[in-house]
Amino acid sequence: MKRMFLIICAGLVFSFSMYLEGKGGKMIVENGRKVSFDYVLTVDGEVVDKSSPEQPFQYIHGEGQIIPGLAKGLEGMSVGEEKEIRLPPQEAYGLPDPRAFYEISSNSLPKDLKPQIGMYLQMRTPEGRTLPVRISEIKEDTVVLDLNHPLAGKTLIFHVKIRKIE
């Protein structure tokens, strides 16, 4: 009787573990899973960001913690799997919005700042959050700020490797 009970329990544990691991006995990236992965992000042929070997990026799949195109590309991957995920602007940070340009008086800038096109500044929102803005144009008495995300309009190329799925 004791042996039969152990066999049934072992079978239930095996069945439950197969259920938890998804199709084919492998745990895969799917909604609700905590996923750890390494990545290198390349934009216009330059590496602009990457995870550190000691600390992979972690998120919960399906909770909107990463950009939708990347989440879609990771869907169904398993531990150890590597992949290149290429995201056009529409699946990443979108196209630049022409309405996201804001002209301010040059007097609004710190007195010791010499503004240059392409320079990034920190702007504080009414809610107190800081937002990176880029100087896109300098006029005689004003400066035009670009409030678009710095990667808007860019194709993002992620090289990813899944490290862990829980």
N, C-alpha and C. Protein backbone atom coordinates (compact mmCIF):
# COMPACT_ATOMS: atom_id res chain seq x y z
N MET A 1 0.83 -1.20 0.00
CA MET A 1 0.00 0.00 0.00
C MET A 1 0.87 1.26 0.00
N LYS A 2 1.90 1.24 0.86
CA LYS A 2 2.80 2.39 0.94
C LYS A 2 3.51 2.62 -0.39
N ARG A 3 3.95 1.53 -1.02
CA ARG A 3 4.65 1.63 -2.30
C ARG A 3 3.72 2.18 -3.38
N MET A 4 2.48 1.71 -3.41
CA MET A 4 1.49 2.18 -4.38
C MET A 4 1.25 3.68 -4.20
N PHE A 5 1.16 4.14 -2.94
CA PHE A 5 0.96 5.55 -2.65
C PHE A 5 2.14 6.37 -3.17
N LEU A 6 3.37 5.90 -2.98
CA LEU A 6 4.57 6.59 -3.46
C LEU A 6 4.59 6.67 -4.98
N ILE A 7 4.21 5.61 -5.65
CA ILE A 7 4.17 5.58 -7.11
C ILE A 7 3.14 6.59 -7.63
N ILE A 8 1.95 6.62 -7.01
CA ILE A 8 0.91 7.56 -7.42
C ILE A 8 1.39 9.00 -7.19
N CYS A 9 2.01 9.26 -6.01
CA CYS A 9 2.51 10.60 -5.71
C CYS A 9 3.60 10.99 -6.71
N ALA A 10 4.50 10.07 -7.00
CA ALA A 10 5.57 10.37 -7.96
C ALA A 10 4.97 10.69 -9.33
N GLY A 11 3.95 9.95 -9.72
CA GLY A 11 3.28 10.20 -11.00
C GLY A 11 2.60 11.56 -11.02
N LEU A 12 1.96 11.93 -9.91
CA LEU A 12 1.32 13.24 -9.83
C LEU A 12 2.34 14.37 -9.90
N VAL A 13 3.47 14.21 -9.19
CA VAL A 13 4.53 15.22 -9.22
C VAL A 13 5.07 15.36 -10.64
N PHE A 14 5.30 14.23 -11.31
CA PHE A 14 5.81 14.28 -12.69
C PHE A 14 4.80 14.97 -13.60
N SER A 15 3.53 14.61 -13.47
CA SER A 15 2.49 15.22 -14.31
C SER A 15 2.39 16.71 -14.05
N PHE A 16 2.44 17.10 -12.79
CA PHE A 16 2.35 18.50 -12.43
C PHE A 16 3.56 19.27 -12.98
N SER A 17 4.76 18.67 -12.88
CA SER A 17 5.95 19.36 -13.38
C SER A 17 5.87 19.49 -14.90
N MET A 18 5.34 18.50 -15.59
CA MET A 18 5.19 18.60 -17.04
C MET A 18 4.18 19.71 -17.39
N TYR A 19 3.11 19.80 -16.58
CA TYR A 19 2.12 20.86 -16.79
C TYR A 19 2.76 22.23 -16.62
N LEU A 20 3.58 22.39 -15.58
CA LEU A 20 4.23 23.66 -15.31
C LEU A 20 5.24 24.02 -16.39
N GLU A 21 5.85 23.06 -17.00
CA GLU A 21 6.90 23.32 -17.97
C GLU A 21 6.38 23.56 -19.38
N GLY A 22 5.10 23.50 -19.58
CA GLY A 22 4.56 23.83 -20.91
C GLY A 22 4.75 22.69 -21.89
N LYS A 23 4.60 22.98 -23.16
CA LYS A 23 4.66 21.98 -24.22
C LYS A 23 6.03 21.33 -24.32
N GLY A 24 6.04 20.07 -24.64
CA GLY A 24 7.28 19.35 -24.90
C GLY A 24 8.19 19.20 -23.70
N GLY A 25 7.69 19.47 -22.50
CA GLY A 25 8.50 19.30 -21.32
C GLY A 25 9.46 20.45 -21.06
N LYS A 26 9.42 21.52 -21.85
CA LYS A 26 10.31 22.66 -21.65
C LYS A 26 9.51 23.83 -21.10
N MET A 27 10.12 24.56 -20.19
CA MET A 27 9.51 25.79 -19.71
C MET A 27 9.74 26.84 -20.80
N ILE A 28 8.67 27.56 -21.16
CA ILE A 28 8.78 28.56 -22.22
C ILE A 28 8.33 29.93 -21.72
N VAL A 29 8.73 30.96 -22.43
CA VAL A 29 8.30 32.32 -22.12
C VAL A 29 6.83 32.43 -22.49
N GLU A 30 6.01 32.69 -21.48
CA GLU A 30 4.58 32.87 -21.68
C GLU A 30 4.04 33.75 -20.57
N ASN A 31 2.82 34.23 -20.72
CA ASN A 31 2.24 35.16 -19.75
C ASN A 31 2.34 34.64 -18.33
N GLY A 32 2.73 35.54 -17.43
CA GLY A 32 2.82 35.22 -16.01
C GLY A 32 4.17 34.67 -15.57
N ARG A 33 5.03 34.34 -16.50
CA ARG A 33 6.34 33.78 -16.17
C ARG A 33 7.34 34.90 -15.85
N LYS A 34 8.16 34.66 -14.83
CA LYS A 34 9.28 35.56 -14.54
C LYS A 34 10.42 35.10 -15.44
N VAL A 35 10.92 36.01 -16.27
CA VAL A 35 11.92 35.67 -17.27
C VAL A 35 13.19 36.47 -17.01
N SER A 36 14.33 35.80 -17.06
CA SER A 36 15.64 36.45 -16.96
C SER A 36 16.35 36.22 -18.29
N PHE A 37 16.88 37.30 -18.88
CA PHE A 37 17.58 37.13 -20.14
C PHE A 37 18.72 38.13 -20.28
N ASP A 38 19.71 37.73 -21.07
CA ASP A 38 20.81 38.61 -21.44
C ASP A 38 20.42 39.28 -22.75
N TYR A 39 20.88 40.51 -22.94
CA TYR A 39 20.60 41.17 -24.22
C TYR A 39 21.71 42.15 -24.57
N VAL A 40 21.82 42.38 -25.86
CA VAL A 40 22.64 43.46 -26.41
C VAL A 40 21.72 44.19 -27.37
N LEU A 41 21.59 45.50 -27.18
CA LEU A 41 20.74 46.32 -28.04
C LEU A 41 21.62 47.14 -28.97
N THR A 42 21.39 46.97 -30.28
CA THR A 42 22.14 47.70 -31.29
C THR A 42 21.18 48.60 -32.06
N VAL A 43 21.61 49.85 -32.26
CA VAL A 43 20.83 50.82 -33.04
C VAL A 43 21.80 51.50 -34.00
N ASP A 44 21.44 51.52 -35.27
CA ASP A 44 22.29 52.14 -36.30
C ASP A 44 23.72 51.61 -36.25
N GLY A 45 23.87 50.31 -36.00
CA GLY A 45 25.18 49.67 -36.01
C GLY A 45 26.00 49.87 -34.74
N GLU A 46 25.45 50.56 -33.74
CA GLU A 46 26.18 50.79 -32.49
C GLU A 46 25.47 50.13 -31.32
N VAL A 47 26.24 49.54 -30.42
CA VAL A 47 25.66 48.98 -29.19
C VAL A 47 25.29 50.16 -28.30
N VAL A 48 24.01 50.26 -27.95
CA VAL A 48 23.55 51.37 -27.11
C VAL A 48 23.19 50.93 -25.70
N ASP A 49 23.01 49.63 -25.49
CA ASP A 49 22.68 49.12 -24.16
C ASP A 49 22.91 47.63 -24.14
N LYS A 50 23.19 47.11 -22.95
CA LYS A 50 23.31 45.66 -22.79
C LYS A 50 23.19 45.33 -21.32
N SER A 51 22.78 44.09 -21.06
CA SER A 51 22.70 43.62 -19.68
C SER A 51 24.11 43.25 -19.22
N SER A 52 24.28 43.20 -17.92
CA SER A 52 25.60 42.79 -17.40
C SER A 52 25.60 41.29 -17.20
N PRO A 53 26.75 40.64 -17.37
CA PRO A 53 26.81 39.18 -17.19
C PRO A 53 26.37 38.73 -15.80
N GLU A 54 26.62 39.58 -14.79
CA GLU A 54 26.25 39.22 -13.42
C GLU A 54 24.77 39.42 -13.14
N GLN A 55 24.12 40.26 -13.93
CA GLN A 55 22.72 40.57 -13.64
C GLN A 55 21.90 40.64 -14.92
N PRO A 56 21.30 39.52 -15.33
CA PRO A 56 20.45 39.56 -16.52
C PRO A 56 19.21 40.41 -16.27
N PHE A 57 18.59 40.87 -17.34
CA PHE A 57 17.35 41.64 -17.23
C PHE A 57 16.23 40.70 -16.80
N GLN A 58 15.38 41.15 -15.88
CA GLN A 58 14.27 40.32 -15.40
C GLN A 58 12.95 41.08 -15.56
N TYR A 59 11.92 40.35 -15.90
CA TYR A 59 10.59 40.94 -16.01
C TYR A 59 9.56 39.82 -15.91
N ILE A 60 8.29 40.19 -15.77
CA ILE A 60 7.19 39.22 -15.78
C ILE A 60 6.51 39.35 -17.13
N HIS A 61 6.51 38.27 -17.89
CA HIS A 61 5.98 38.30 -19.25
C HIS A 61 4.47 38.55 -19.23
N GLY A 62 4.04 39.45 -20.11
CA GLY A 62 2.62 39.74 -20.26
C GLY A 62 2.12 40.86 -19.37
N GLU A 63 3.00 41.48 -18.58
CA GLU A 63 2.56 42.55 -17.69
C GLU A 63 2.95 43.94 -18.18
N GLY A 64 3.40 44.05 -19.44
CA GLY A 64 3.70 45.35 -20.02
C GLY A 64 4.96 46.00 -19.48
N GLN A 65 5.88 45.21 -18.96
CA GLN A 65 7.10 45.76 -18.37
C GLN A 65 8.19 46.01 -19.41
N ILE A 66 8.02 45.47 -20.61
CA ILE A 66 8.98 45.72 -21.70
C ILE A 66 8.18 46.13 -22.94
N ILE A 67 8.87 46.69 -23.93
CA ILE A 67 8.15 47.14 -25.12
C ILE A 67 7.47 45.94 -25.81
N PRO A 68 6.28 46.17 -26.35
CA PRO A 68 5.49 45.07 -26.91
C PRO A 68 6.21 44.24 -27.97
N GLY A 69 6.96 44.86 -28.86
CA GLY A 69 7.65 44.11 -29.91
C GLY A 69 8.68 43.14 -29.35
N LEU A 70 9.38 43.56 -28.30
CA LEU A 70 10.36 42.66 -27.67
C LEU A 70 9.63 41.51 -26.98
N ALA A 71 8.55 41.81 -26.27
CA ALA A 71 7.77 40.76 -25.61
C ALA A 71 7.28 39.73 -26.62
N LYS A 72 6.80 40.21 -27.75
CA LYS A 72 6.31 39.31 -28.81
C LYS A 72 7.45 38.43 -29.33
N GLY A 73 8.64 39.00 -29.49
CA GLY A 73 9.79 38.24 -29.98
C GLY A 73 10.28 37.19 -29.00
N LEU A 74 10.11 37.45 -27.69
CA LEU A 74 10.55 36.50 -26.67
C LEU A 74 9.55 35.37 -26.44
N GLU A 75 8.30 35.61 -26.79
CA GLU A 75 7.22 34.63 -26.58
C GLU A 75 7.60 33.26 -27.14
N GLY A 76 7.48 32.24 -26.32
CA GLY A 76 7.72 30.86 -26.76
C GLY A 76 9.16 30.40 -26.69
N MET A 77 10.09 31.30 -26.36
CA MET A 77 11.50 30.89 -26.25
C MET A 77 11.69 30.06 -24.98
N SER A 78 12.77 29.27 -24.94
CA SER A 78 13.06 28.45 -23.77
C SER A 78 14.47 28.75 -23.26
N VAL A 79 14.78 28.26 -22.08
CA VAL A 79 16.07 28.51 -21.44
C VAL A 79 17.22 28.06 -22.36
N GLY A 80 18.22 28.91 -22.49
CA GLY A 80 19.38 28.62 -23.33
C GLY A 80 19.22 29.06 -24.77
N GLU A 81 18.00 29.33 -25.18
CA GLU A 81 17.75 29.73 -26.57
C GLU A 81 18.23 31.16 -26.81
N GLU A 82 18.84 31.38 -27.98
CA GLU A 82 19.31 32.70 -28.39
C GLU A 82 18.58 33.11 -29.65
N LYS A 83 18.44 34.43 -29.82
CA LYS A 83 17.69 34.91 -30.97
C LYS A 83 18.03 36.38 -31.22
N GLU A 84 17.94 36.77 -32.49
CA GLU A 84 18.02 38.18 -32.83
C GLU A 84 16.60 38.66 -33.10
N ILE A 85 16.21 39.72 -32.41
CA ILE A 85 14.87 40.28 -32.57
C ILE A 85 15.03 41.68 -33.14
N ARG A 86 14.52 41.87 -34.35
CA ARG A 86 14.63 43.15 -35.05
C ARG A 86 13.27 43.84 -34.96
N LEU A 87 13.27 45.05 -34.40
CA LEU A 87 12.02 45.77 -34.21
C LEU A 87 12.02 47.07 -35.01
N PRO A 88 11.12 47.20 -35.98
CA PRO A 88 10.98 48.48 -36.66
C PRO A 88 10.40 49.49 -35.67
N PRO A 89 10.53 50.78 -35.95
CA PRO A 89 10.05 51.80 -34.99
C PRO A 89 8.62 51.59 -34.51
N GLN A 90 7.74 51.13 -35.38
CA GLN A 90 6.33 50.95 -35.01
C GLN A 90 6.16 49.90 -33.91
N GLU A 91 7.10 48.96 -33.77
CA GLU A 91 7.01 47.93 -32.74
C GLU A 91 7.90 48.24 -31.54
N ALA A 92 8.55 49.40 -31.59
CA ALA A 92 9.46 49.78 -30.50
C ALA A 92 8.95 51.06 -29.85
N TYR A 93 9.59 52.19 -30.15
CA TYR A 93 9.21 53.46 -29.53
C TYR A 93 8.43 54.36 -30.47
N GLY A 94 7.99 53.82 -31.59
CA GLY A 94 7.16 54.57 -32.51
C GLY A 94 7.94 55.53 -33.40
N LEU A 95 7.21 56.17 -34.28
CA LEU A 95 7.79 57.18 -35.15
C LEU A 95 7.81 58.51 -34.41
N PRO A 96 8.74 59.39 -34.75
CA PRO A 96 8.75 60.69 -34.08
C PRO A 96 7.41 61.41 -34.31
N ASP A 97 6.90 62.02 -33.26
CA ASP A 97 5.64 62.76 -33.32
C ASP A 97 5.96 64.22 -33.56
N PRO A 98 5.52 64.79 -34.68
CA PRO A 98 5.82 66.19 -34.97
C PRO A 98 5.21 67.15 -33.94
N ARG A 99 4.22 66.68 -33.17
CA ARG A 99 3.60 67.52 -32.13
C ARG A 99 4.42 67.52 -30.84
N ALA A 100 5.49 66.72 -30.79
CA ALA A 100 6.29 66.60 -29.57
C ALA A 100 7.50 67.53 -29.57
N PHE A 101 7.38 68.64 -30.27
CA PHE A 101 8.43 69.66 -30.28
C PHE A 101 7.90 70.87 -29.52
N TYR A 102 8.74 71.40 -28.66
CA TYR A 102 8.30 72.46 -27.76
C TYR A 102 9.32 73.59 -27.79
N GLU A 103 8.87 74.78 -28.09
CA GLU A 103 9.78 75.92 -28.19
C GLU A 103 9.75 76.70 -26.88
N ILE A 104 10.94 76.95 -26.33
CA ILE A 104 11.04 77.69 -25.08
C ILE A 104 12.00 78.87 -25.26
N SER A 105 11.88 79.82 -24.39
CA SER A 105 12.77 80.97 -24.40
C SER A 105 14.18 80.53 -23.99
N SER A 106 15.18 81.06 -24.62
CA SER A 106 16.57 80.76 -24.26
C SER A 106 16.86 81.16 -22.82
N ASN A 107 16.12 82.15 -22.31
CA ASN A 107 16.28 82.59 -20.92
C ASN A 107 15.84 81.53 -19.91
N SER A 108 15.06 80.52 -20.35
CA SER A 108 14.60 79.45 -19.47
C SER A 108 15.71 78.46 -19.14
N LEU A 109 16.76 78.48 -19.93
CA LEU A 109 17.88 77.56 -19.72
C LEU A 109 18.81 78.09 -18.65
N PRO A 110 19.54 77.21 -17.98
CA PRO A 110 20.53 77.69 -16.99
C PRO A 110 21.50 78.67 -17.65
N LYS A 111 21.89 79.70 -16.92
CA LYS A 111 22.74 80.78 -17.45
C LYS A 111 24.09 80.27 -17.96
N ASP A 112 24.64 79.24 -17.30
CA ASP A 112 25.97 78.73 -17.67
C ASP A 112 25.93 77.69 -18.79
N LEU A 113 24.75 77.39 -19.31
CA LEU A 113 24.61 76.37 -20.35
C LEU A 113 24.77 77.00 -21.74
N LYS A 114 25.64 76.41 -22.54
CA LYS A 114 25.78 76.82 -23.94
C LYS A 114 25.04 75.77 -24.77
N PRO A 115 23.79 76.04 -25.19
CA PRO A 115 23.01 75.03 -25.91
C PRO A 115 23.61 74.67 -27.25
N GLN A 116 23.54 73.37 -27.56
CA GLN A 116 24.02 72.87 -28.85
C GLN A 116 22.98 71.90 -29.41
N ILE A 117 22.82 71.88 -30.72
CA ILE A 117 21.88 70.95 -31.35
C ILE A 117 22.34 69.52 -31.04
N GLY A 118 21.38 68.69 -30.63
CA GLY A 118 21.67 67.30 -30.28
C GLY A 118 21.93 67.10 -28.79
N MET A 119 22.14 68.17 -28.04
CA MET A 119 22.40 68.09 -26.61
C MET A 119 21.13 67.61 -25.89
N TYR A 120 21.32 66.74 -24.91
CA TYR A 120 20.19 66.27 -24.10
C TYR A 120 20.13 67.04 -22.80
N LEU A 121 18.93 67.40 -22.41
CA LEU A 121 18.67 68.08 -21.15
C LEU A 121 17.64 67.27 -20.36
N GLN A 122 17.52 67.53 -19.09
CA GLN A 122 16.50 66.91 -18.27
C GLN A 122 15.39 67.94 -18.02
N MET A 123 14.17 67.57 -18.34
CA MET A 123 13.03 68.44 -18.11
C MET A 123 12.17 67.81 -17.03
N ARG A 124 11.65 68.60 -16.14
CA ARG A 124 10.78 68.08 -15.08
C ARG A 124 9.32 68.30 -15.48
N THR A 125 8.53 67.22 -15.38
CA THR A 125 7.10 67.31 -15.69
C THR A 125 6.37 67.92 -14.50
N PRO A 126 5.13 68.36 -14.69
CA PRO A 126 4.36 68.91 -13.56
C PRO A 126 4.19 67.89 -12.42
N GLU A 127 4.26 66.59 -12.76
CA GLU A 127 4.13 65.54 -11.73
C GLU A 127 5.44 65.28 -11.00
N GLY A 128 6.53 65.95 -11.44
CA GLY A 128 7.82 65.79 -10.77
C GLY A 128 8.75 64.77 -11.41
N ARG A 129 8.32 64.10 -12.47
CA ARG A 129 9.19 63.13 -13.16
C ARG A 129 10.18 63.87 -14.04
N THR A 130 11.36 63.28 -14.22
CA THR A 130 12.32 63.87 -15.15
C THR A 130 12.19 63.18 -16.50
N LEU A 131 12.37 63.96 -17.53
CA LEU A 131 12.19 63.48 -18.90
C LEU A 131 13.36 63.97 -19.73
N PRO A 132 14.05 63.05 -20.45
CA PRO A 132 15.14 63.53 -21.31
C PRO A 132 14.55 64.22 -22.55
N VAL A 133 15.09 65.38 -22.86
CA VAL A 133 14.67 66.11 -24.06
C VAL A 133 15.92 66.49 -24.84
N ARG A 134 15.78 66.54 -26.15
CA ARG A 134 16.92 66.85 -27.02
C ARG A 134 16.71 68.22 -27.66
N ILE A 135 17.77 69.00 -27.71
CA ILE A 135 17.71 70.28 -28.41
C ILE A 135 17.77 69.98 -29.91
N SER A 136 16.70 70.34 -30.61
CA SER A 136 16.65 70.04 -32.04
C SER A 136 16.93 71.27 -32.91
N GLU A 137 16.76 72.46 -32.34
CA GLU A 137 16.98 73.67 -33.12
C GLU A 137 17.26 74.83 -32.17
N ILE A 138 18.14 75.71 -32.59
CA ILE A 138 18.45 76.91 -31.80
C ILE A 138 18.13 78.12 -32.67
N LYS A 139 17.24 78.95 -32.16
CA LYS A 139 16.86 80.18 -32.86
C LYS A 139 17.46 81.37 -32.11
N GLU A 140 17.16 82.56 -32.59
CA GLU A 140 17.76 83.76 -31.98
C GLU A 140 17.46 83.88 -30.49
N ASP A 141 16.19 83.77 -30.09
CA ASP A 141 15.80 83.95 -28.69
C ASP A 141 15.15 82.71 -28.09
N THR A 142 15.05 81.65 -28.88
CA THR A 142 14.37 80.44 -28.39
C THR A 142 15.18 79.19 -28.73
N VAL A 143 14.78 78.11 -28.07
CA VAL A 143 15.37 76.79 -28.31
C VAL A 143 14.20 75.83 -28.53
N VAL A 144 14.31 74.98 -29.54
CA VAL A 144 13.26 74.00 -29.82
C VAL A 144 13.70 72.66 -29.22
N LEU A 145 12.85 72.13 -28.33
CA LEU A 145 13.13 70.86 -27.67
C LEU A 145 12.32 69.74 -28.32
N ASP A 146 12.95 68.61 -28.50
CA ASP A 146 12.30 67.41 -29.04
C ASP A 146 11.97 66.51 -27.86
N LEU A 147 10.67 66.33 -27.57
CA LEU A 147 10.24 65.52 -26.44
C LEU A 147 10.00 64.05 -26.81
N ASN A 148 10.26 63.67 -28.06
CA ASN A 148 10.11 62.27 -28.46
C ASN A 148 11.12 61.41 -27.70
N HIS A 149 10.81 60.13 -27.54
CA HIS A 149 11.76 59.20 -26.93
C HIS A 149 13.03 59.21 -27.78
N PRO A 150 14.20 59.15 -27.16
CA PRO A 150 15.46 59.17 -27.93
C PRO A 150 15.55 58.08 -29.00
N LEU A 151 14.83 56.97 -28.83
CA LEU A 151 14.89 55.89 -29.82
C LEU A 151 13.68 55.88 -30.76
N ALA A 152 12.84 56.92 -30.70
CA ALA A 152 11.71 57.01 -31.63
C ALA A 152 12.25 57.12 -33.05
N GLY A 153 11.64 56.37 -33.95
CA GLY A 153 12.06 56.40 -35.35
C GLY A 153 13.21 55.47 -35.66
N LYS A 154 13.71 54.76 -34.67
CA LYS A 154 14.88 53.89 -34.85
C LYS A 154 14.45 52.42 -34.90
N THR A 155 15.18 51.65 -35.72
CA THR A 155 15.02 50.20 -35.72
C THR A 155 15.94 49.65 -34.64
N LEU A 156 15.38 48.85 -33.75
CA LEU A 156 16.13 48.27 -32.64
C LEU A 156 16.46 46.82 -32.97
N ILE A 157 17.70 46.43 -32.70
CA ILE A 157 18.09 45.03 -32.90
C ILE A 157 18.57 44.50 -31.56
N PHE A 158 17.81 43.54 -31.02
CA PHE A 158 18.16 42.90 -29.76
C PHE A 158 18.74 41.53 -30.05
N HIS A 159 19.88 41.23 -29.48
CA HIS A 159 20.38 39.85 -29.45
C HIS A 159 20.11 39.38 -28.03
N VAL A 160 19.27 38.35 -27.89
CA VAL A 160 18.85 37.90 -26.56
C VAL A 160 19.22 36.43 -26.33
N LYS A 161 19.39 36.10 -25.06
CA LYS A 161 19.59 34.71 -24.64
C LYS A 161 18.82 34.52 -23.35
N ILE A 162 17.91 33.57 -23.36
CA ILE A 162 17.09 33.29 -22.17
C ILE A 162 17.95 32.56 -21.14
N ARG A 163 18.01 33.10 -19.94
CA ARG A 163 18.81 32.50 -18.86
C ARG A 163 17.97 31.67 -17.91
N LYS A 164 16.76 32.18 -17.58
CA LYS A 164 15.97 31.50 -16.58
C LYS A 164 14.48 31.83 -16.79
N ILE A 165 13.63 30.85 -16.53
CA ILE A 165 12.18 31.06 -16.60
C ILE A 165 11.59 30.42 -15.34
N GLU A 166 10.78 31.19 -14.65
CA GLU A 166 10.13 30.66 -13.44
C GLU A 166 8.63 30.75 -13.58
